[in-house]
Amino acid sequence: MLNSTTRNTDTTSHVDFTDYSVINEDGWVCGSNGELLMWIPPPHRIHLHRPSNIWVAGEYETRLDLSTFVHGQSWATCIDT
């Protein structure tokens, strides 16, 4: 994950995506400390499921499965998951 304050890449095992996570104007989901977690394509931003959502209506209803989400310095290992 890119630490937006230090511009360094940090590796963590915890994905800080909550019902209160901010999606900034560039489409990045930000963690609670302002770190950039993942980029969401424009058609999927408005109808993105938050962790506690049961249903979201919209043409591009998007639900994220973060069970194998890999980020930070180990991001390339997602190819093997």
Protein backbone atom coordinates (compact mmCIF):
# COMPACT_ATOMS: atom_id res chain seq x y z
CA MET A 1 0.00 0.00 0.00
CA LEU A 2 1.28 3.48 -0.79
CA ASN A 3 1.60 5.68 2.27
CA SER A 4 0.34 9.00 0.88
CA THR A 5 2.18 10.97 3.55
CA THR A 6 5.65 9.48 3.13
CA ARG A 7 5.25 8.21 -0.47
CA ASN A 8 6.77 4.91 0.72
CA THR A 9 5.29 1.51 0.04
CA ASP A 10 4.14 -0.25 3.20
CA THR A 11 3.09 -3.87 3.51
CA THR A 12 0.32 -4.83 5.89
CA SER A 13 -1.91 -7.86 6.18
CA HIS A 14 -4.94 -5.84 7.28
CA VAL A 15 -7.11 -4.12 4.68
CA ASP A 16 -8.62 -1.02 6.22
CA PHE A 17 -11.76 -0.88 4.03
CA THR A 18 -14.77 0.02 6.18
CA ASP A 19 -18.20 1.57 5.81
CA TYR A 20 -16.53 4.93 6.48
CA SER A 21 -13.63 4.62 4.02
CA VAL A 22 -13.26 7.64 1.78
CA ILE A 23 -13.02 7.36 -2.01
CA ASN A 24 -11.05 10.42 -3.08
CA GLU A 25 -11.68 12.43 -6.26
CA ASP A 26 -9.14 10.29 -8.15
CA GLY A 27 -11.00 7.08 -7.27
CA TRP A 28 -8.66 5.77 -4.57
CA VAL A 29 -10.14 4.11 -1.49
CA CYS A 30 -8.25 5.61 1.44
CA GLY A 31 -7.52 3.89 4.73
CA SER A 32 -8.16 5.49 8.10
CA ASN A 33 -4.66 7.06 8.05
CA GLY A 34 -5.07 8.48 4.53
CA GLU A 35 -3.13 5.64 2.87
CA LEU A 36 -4.16 4.63 -0.65
CA LEU A 37 -5.60 1.11 -0.56
CA MET A 38 -7.01 0.42 -4.03
CA TRP A 39 -8.24 2.26 -7.11
CA ILE A 40 -11.89 1.88 -8.14
CA PRO A 41 -12.83 2.45 -11.83
CA PRO A 42 -15.31 5.34 -12.34
CA PRO A 43 -18.45 3.28 -13.21
CA HIS A 44 -18.12 1.30 -9.97
CA ARG A 45 -17.57 4.10 -7.44
CA ILE A 46 -21.18 5.19 -6.86
CA HIS A 47 -22.60 1.67 -6.46
CA LEU A 48 -19.72 0.15 -4.50
CA HIS A 49 -20.77 -2.19 -1.69
CA ARG A 50 -19.41 -1.23 1.71
CA PRO A 51 -18.62 -4.07 4.14
CA SER A 52 -22.02 -3.95 5.90
CA ASN A 53 -24.14 -3.46 2.74
CA ILE A 54 -26.56 -6.23 1.91
CA TRP A 55 -27.71 -4.81 -1.43
CA VAL A 56 -26.92 -1.79 -3.61
CA ALA A 57 -29.11 -0.88 -6.60
CA GLY A 58 -27.47 0.24 -9.79
CA GLU A 59 -26.27 -0.73 -13.22
CA TYR A 60 -22.73 -1.38 -11.99
CA GLU A 61 -23.39 -2.91 -8.58
CA THR A 62 -19.90 -3.81 -7.33
CA ARG A 63 -19.00 -6.09 -4.43
CA LEU A 64 -15.33 -6.52 -3.46
CA ASP A 65 -13.93 -9.86 -2.31
CA LEU A 66 -10.83 -8.88 -0.35
CA SER A 67 -10.16 -12.36 1.02
CA THR A 68 -7.10 -12.76 -1.23
CA PHE A 69 -6.30 -9.04 -1.62
CA VAL A 70 -2.53 -8.48 -1.74
CA HIS A 71 -0.95 -5.03 -1.59
CA GLY A 72 2.22 -3.23 -0.62
CA GLN A 73 5.56 -4.73 -1.56
CA SER A 74 3.96 -8.16 -2.02
CA TRP A 75 1.31 -7.04 -4.50
CA ALA A 76 2.70 -9.16 -7.35
CA THR A 77 1.95 -12.35 -5.42
CA CYS A 78 -1.73 -11.88 -6.26
CA ILE A 79 -1.01 -13.71 -9.52
CA ASP A 80 -0.56 -16.91 -7.52
CA THR A 81 -3.75 -16.57 -5.44
